[in-house]
N, C-alpha and C. Protein backbone atom coordinates (compact mmCIF):
# COMPACT_ATOMS: atom_id res chain seq x y z
N MET A 1 24.21 -56.90 90.48
CA MET A 1 24.79 -57.78 89.48
C MET A 1 23.67 -58.63 88.86
N LEU A 2 23.70 -58.75 87.56
CA LEU A 2 22.70 -59.54 86.85
C LEU A 2 22.98 -61.04 87.02
N SER A 3 21.90 -61.79 87.18
CA SER A 3 22.06 -63.24 87.22
C SER A 3 22.28 -63.75 85.79
N LEU A 4 22.73 -64.96 85.69
CA LEU A 4 22.98 -65.55 84.38
C LEU A 4 21.67 -65.71 83.60
N ARG A 5 20.59 -66.06 84.28
CA ARG A 5 19.29 -66.19 83.62
C ARG A 5 18.83 -64.84 83.06
N THR A 6 18.94 -63.80 83.87
CA THR A 6 18.51 -62.47 83.43
C THR A 6 19.33 -62.01 82.24
N PHE A 7 20.63 -62.21 82.28
CA PHE A 7 21.48 -61.83 81.17
C PHE A 7 21.12 -62.61 79.92
N HIS A 8 20.82 -63.89 80.07
CA HIS A 8 20.48 -64.73 78.93
C HIS A 8 19.18 -64.26 78.27
N VAL A 9 18.19 -63.94 79.09
CA VAL A 9 16.92 -63.43 78.57
C VAL A 9 17.15 -62.10 77.85
N PHE A 10 17.91 -61.22 78.47
CA PHE A 10 18.22 -59.92 77.87
C PHE A 10 18.94 -60.11 76.53
N PHE A 11 19.91 -61.00 76.49
CA PHE A 11 20.68 -61.24 75.28
C PHE A 11 19.81 -61.80 74.16
N ILE A 12 18.89 -62.70 74.49
CA ILE A 12 17.99 -63.27 73.49
C ILE A 12 17.10 -62.18 72.90
N VAL A 13 16.51 -61.36 73.77
CA VAL A 13 15.61 -60.30 73.31
C VAL A 13 16.35 -59.30 72.43
N VAL A 14 17.53 -58.88 72.84
CA VAL A 14 18.31 -57.94 72.04
C VAL A 14 18.69 -58.56 70.70
N SER A 15 19.03 -59.84 70.69
CA SER A 15 19.39 -60.52 69.44
C SER A 15 18.21 -60.60 68.48
N ILE A 16 17.02 -60.87 69.02
CA ILE A 16 15.82 -60.91 68.17
C ILE A 16 15.56 -59.54 67.57
N LEU A 17 15.61 -58.50 68.39
CA LEU A 17 15.37 -57.14 67.90
C LEU A 17 16.40 -56.73 66.86
N LEU A 18 17.66 -57.08 67.08
CA LEU A 18 18.72 -56.76 66.11
C LEU A 18 18.48 -57.50 64.79
N SER A 19 18.11 -58.77 64.86
CA SER A 19 17.85 -59.55 63.65
C SER A 19 16.71 -58.94 62.84
N LEU A 20 15.63 -58.58 63.53
CA LEU A 20 14.49 -57.99 62.83
C LEU A 20 14.83 -56.61 62.27
N GLY A 21 15.65 -55.86 62.98
CA GLY A 21 16.07 -54.55 62.49
C GLY A 21 16.93 -54.66 61.23
N VAL A 22 17.85 -55.61 61.23
CA VAL A 22 18.70 -55.80 60.05
C VAL A 22 17.86 -56.33 58.89
N ALA A 23 16.89 -57.18 59.17
CA ALA A 23 16.00 -57.68 58.12
C ALA A 23 15.20 -56.52 57.50
N ALA A 24 14.70 -55.62 58.34
CA ALA A 24 13.96 -54.46 57.83
C ALA A 24 14.87 -53.57 56.99
N TRP A 25 16.10 -53.40 57.42
CA TRP A 25 17.05 -52.60 56.66
C TRP A 25 17.35 -53.26 55.31
N GLY A 26 17.47 -54.58 55.30
CA GLY A 26 17.70 -55.30 54.05
C GLY A 26 16.53 -55.15 53.09
N ILE A 27 15.31 -55.20 53.62
CA ILE A 27 14.12 -54.98 52.77
C ILE A 27 14.14 -53.57 52.20
N GLN A 28 14.48 -52.61 53.03
CA GLN A 28 14.56 -51.22 52.56
C GLN A 28 15.60 -51.09 51.45
N GLN A 29 16.75 -51.70 51.61
CA GLN A 29 17.79 -51.63 50.58
C GLN A 29 17.32 -52.28 49.28
N TYR A 30 16.59 -53.38 49.41
CA TYR A 30 16.07 -54.05 48.22
C TYR A 30 15.05 -53.16 47.50
N LEU A 31 14.17 -52.55 48.26
CA LEU A 31 13.13 -51.72 47.65
C LEU A 31 13.70 -50.44 47.04
N LEU A 32 14.69 -49.86 47.67
CA LEU A 32 15.26 -48.60 47.17
C LEU A 32 16.23 -48.81 46.00
N HIS A 33 17.03 -49.85 46.08
CA HIS A 33 18.12 -50.03 45.11
C HIS A 33 18.04 -51.32 44.31
N SER A 34 16.99 -52.10 44.49
CA SER A 34 16.86 -53.41 43.85
C SER A 34 18.10 -54.27 44.09
N SER A 35 18.59 -54.21 45.31
CA SER A 35 19.81 -54.90 45.70
C SER A 35 19.51 -56.35 46.07
N ARG A 36 20.13 -57.28 45.36
CA ARG A 36 19.97 -58.70 45.69
C ARG A 36 20.58 -59.01 47.05
N GLN A 37 21.67 -58.34 47.37
CA GLN A 37 22.29 -58.55 48.67
C GLN A 37 21.36 -58.12 49.79
N GLY A 38 20.63 -57.03 49.59
CA GLY A 38 19.66 -56.58 50.59
C GLY A 38 18.56 -57.60 50.79
N LEU A 39 18.09 -58.18 49.70
CA LEU A 39 17.04 -59.19 49.79
C LEU A 39 17.56 -60.44 50.49
N ALA A 40 18.77 -60.86 50.14
CA ALA A 40 19.36 -62.03 50.78
C ALA A 40 19.56 -61.78 52.28
N MET A 41 20.02 -60.59 52.62
CA MET A 41 20.22 -60.24 54.02
C MET A 41 18.89 -60.23 54.76
N ALA A 42 17.84 -59.71 54.12
CA ALA A 42 16.52 -59.68 54.74
C ALA A 42 16.01 -61.10 55.01
N VAL A 43 16.21 -61.99 54.06
CA VAL A 43 15.75 -63.37 54.24
C VAL A 43 16.54 -64.06 55.34
N ILE A 44 17.85 -63.92 55.32
CA ILE A 44 18.70 -64.59 56.30
C ILE A 44 18.38 -64.10 57.71
N PHE A 45 18.25 -62.79 57.89
CA PHE A 45 18.00 -62.27 59.22
C PHE A 45 16.56 -62.47 59.67
N SER A 46 15.63 -62.59 58.74
CA SER A 46 14.26 -62.93 59.11
C SER A 46 14.20 -64.36 59.65
N VAL A 47 14.88 -65.26 58.97
CA VAL A 47 14.95 -66.65 59.44
C VAL A 47 15.66 -66.70 60.79
N SER A 48 16.73 -65.94 60.92
CA SER A 48 17.45 -65.88 62.19
C SER A 48 16.55 -65.37 63.31
N GLY A 49 15.79 -64.32 63.06
CA GLY A 49 14.87 -63.80 64.07
C GLY A 49 13.80 -64.81 64.44
N PHE A 50 13.29 -65.53 63.44
CA PHE A 50 12.29 -66.57 63.69
C PHE A 50 12.88 -67.69 64.56
N LEU A 51 14.07 -68.15 64.22
CA LEU A 51 14.71 -69.21 65.00
C LEU A 51 15.02 -68.76 66.43
N LEU A 52 15.46 -67.53 66.58
CA LEU A 52 15.71 -67.01 67.92
C LEU A 52 14.41 -66.90 68.72
N SER A 53 13.33 -66.54 68.06
CA SER A 53 12.03 -66.47 68.74
C SER A 53 11.58 -67.85 69.19
N ALA A 54 11.78 -68.85 68.34
CA ALA A 54 11.43 -70.22 68.71
C ALA A 54 12.29 -70.69 69.89
N TYR A 55 13.57 -70.35 69.86
CA TYR A 55 14.46 -70.69 70.97
C TYR A 55 14.01 -70.00 72.25
N ALA A 56 13.64 -68.72 72.14
CA ALA A 56 13.20 -67.98 73.32
C ALA A 56 11.94 -68.61 73.92
N ALA A 57 10.99 -68.99 73.08
CA ALA A 57 9.77 -69.62 73.57
C ALA A 57 10.10 -70.92 74.31
N ARG A 58 10.99 -71.69 73.75
CA ARG A 58 11.38 -72.95 74.40
C ARG A 58 12.13 -72.69 75.71
N TYR A 59 12.99 -71.70 75.71
CA TYR A 59 13.76 -71.36 76.91
C TYR A 59 12.85 -70.82 78.01
N PHE A 60 11.89 -69.95 77.67
CA PHE A 60 10.98 -69.40 78.66
C PHE A 60 10.09 -70.49 79.24
N GLY A 61 9.68 -71.43 78.41
CA GLY A 61 8.92 -72.57 78.91
C GLY A 61 9.72 -73.40 79.89
N LYS A 62 10.98 -73.59 79.59
CA LYS A 62 11.85 -74.35 80.49
C LYS A 62 12.05 -73.59 81.80
N LEU A 63 12.19 -72.26 81.72
CA LEU A 63 12.35 -71.47 82.94
C LEU A 63 11.12 -71.59 83.83
N ARG A 64 9.92 -71.58 83.24
CA ARG A 64 8.69 -71.70 84.02
C ARG A 64 8.63 -73.05 84.74
N ARG A 65 9.07 -74.10 84.08
CA ARG A 65 9.05 -75.43 84.70
C ARG A 65 10.05 -75.53 85.84
N LEU A 66 11.18 -74.83 85.73
CA LEU A 66 12.21 -74.91 86.76
C LEU A 66 11.86 -74.09 88.01
N GLU A 67 11.05 -73.06 87.84
CA GLU A 67 10.74 -72.20 88.99
C GLU A 67 9.62 -72.67 89.76
């Protein structure tokens, strides 16, 4: 059984990868079809991936201090 910490770390990493994947897909849609929605999606999910990465760094730092 996974601990809550392990699940949380796994969930953060998967969320970051999903955000970056959707951002890449949005960029591709913008480049192929000049889609404003694709560009907006790329920007939103890039910011989301950045914020999740900042959260992960803060969370991992907190985990190191607790252990």
